[in-house]
């Protein structure tokens, strides 16, 4: 392997952006503070988006589906054509 890859695997360089991380390497890949904050923000935004998607019950089979995908579910699962 190359020197940079070895330094990332050793924990001297961030595995996300390649920046130098102060301190001794632990022998395991690490992420710098900026990359960790970005990962946490990304995880929060994904969970918020998932929670914000309204769901409803299918009138035919009572399965919970996203409101935006109800017509697709009815078409694919039950053969009901949409009103469009």
Protein backbone atom coordinates (compact mmCIF):
# COMPACT_ATOMS: atom_id res chain seq x y z
CA UNK A 1 0.00 0.00 0.00
CA UNK A 2 0.97 3.61 -0.32
CA UNK A 3 2.17 5.81 2.50
CA UNK A 4 -1.08 7.80 2.67
CA UNK A 5 -3.22 4.66 2.86
CA UNK A 6 -0.99 3.32 5.64
CA UNK A 7 -1.30 6.60 7.55
CA UNK A 8 -5.10 6.51 7.24
CA UNK A 9 -5.21 2.90 8.47
CA UNK A 10 -2.88 3.83 11.34
CA UNK A 11 -5.15 6.70 12.38
CA UNK A 12 -2.75 9.56 11.65
CA UNK A 13 -4.89 10.95 8.81
CA UNK A 14 -8.68 11.34 8.72
CA UNK A 15 -10.35 8.53 6.77
CA UNK A 16 -12.95 10.98 5.44
CA UNK A 17 -10.94 13.95 4.19
CA UNK A 18 -7.29 12.99 4.68
CA UNK A 19 -6.49 15.79 7.14
CA UNK A 20 -3.80 15.27 9.77
CA UNK A 21 -5.17 14.34 13.21
CA UNK A 22 -3.14 15.40 16.23
CA UNK A 23 -2.04 12.73 18.67
CA UNK A 24 -0.74 9.23 18.29
CA UNK A 25 -2.54 6.93 15.92
CA UNK A 26 -4.48 4.19 17.66
CA UNK A 27 -3.85 1.71 14.89
CA UNK A 28 -7.44 2.11 13.66
CA UNK A 29 -8.85 4.56 11.11
CA UNK A 30 -10.31 7.74 12.68
CA UNK A 31 -12.29 10.75 11.52
CA UNK A 32 -11.44 14.39 12.26
CA UNK A 33 -13.85 16.62 14.19
CA UNK A 34 -15.23 18.24 11.04
CA UNK A 35 -16.04 14.88 9.42
CA UNK A 36 -17.66 13.61 12.62
CA UNK A 37 -19.86 16.72 12.86
CA UNK A 38 -20.84 16.35 9.21
CA UNK A 39 -21.75 12.68 9.76
CA UNK A 40 -23.90 13.59 12.78
CA UNK A 41 -25.69 16.38 10.88
CA UNK A 42 -26.27 14.07 7.92
CA UNK A 43 -27.72 11.37 10.17
CA UNK A 44 -30.05 13.87 11.86
CA UNK A 45 -31.29 15.26 8.55
CA UNK A 46 -31.95 11.75 7.19
CA UNK A 47 -33.93 10.73 10.29
CA UNK A 48 -35.88 14.01 10.20
CA UNK A 49 -36.75 13.51 6.54
CA UNK A 50 -37.84 9.95 7.22
CA UNK A 51 -40.04 11.04 10.12
CA UNK A 52 -41.57 13.88 8.09
CA UNK A 53 -42.89 11.60 5.32
CA UNK A 54 -46.64 11.23 6.01
CA UNK A 55 -48.03 7.72 5.83
CA UNK A 56 -51.51 6.36 5.37
CA UNK A 57 -53.24 2.99 5.28
CA UNK A 58 -54.05 1.35 1.96
CA UNK A 59 -57.85 1.08 1.73
CA UNK A 60 -57.56 -2.37 0.11
CA UNK A 61 -55.03 -4.22 2.28
CA UNK A 62 -54.59 -1.80 5.23
CA UNK A 63 -50.81 -1.74 4.75
CA UNK A 64 -48.96 1.44 5.86
CA UNK A 65 -47.50 3.22 2.84
CA UNK A 66 -46.20 6.71 2.18
CA UNK A 67 -48.95 9.03 1.08
CA UNK A 68 -47.02 9.98 -2.05
CA UNK A 69 -46.67 6.30 -3.03
CA UNK A 70 -50.24 5.15 -2.36
CA UNK A 71 -51.24 5.24 -6.03
CA UNK A 72 -48.13 3.27 -7.02
CA UNK A 73 -48.81 0.69 -4.29
CA UNK A 74 -52.41 0.24 -5.38
CA UNK A 75 -51.37 -0.11 -9.01
CA UNK A 76 -48.53 -2.57 -8.33
CA UNK A 77 -50.04 -4.65 -5.52
CA UNK A 78 -53.72 -4.61 -6.40
CA UNK A 79 -53.94 -3.75 -10.09
CA UNK A 80 -56.03 -0.62 -9.39
CA UNK A 81 -55.48 2.08 -11.97
CA UNK A 82 -55.06 5.65 -10.77
CA UNK A 83 -57.42 8.50 -11.47
CA UNK A 84 -54.86 10.48 -13.48
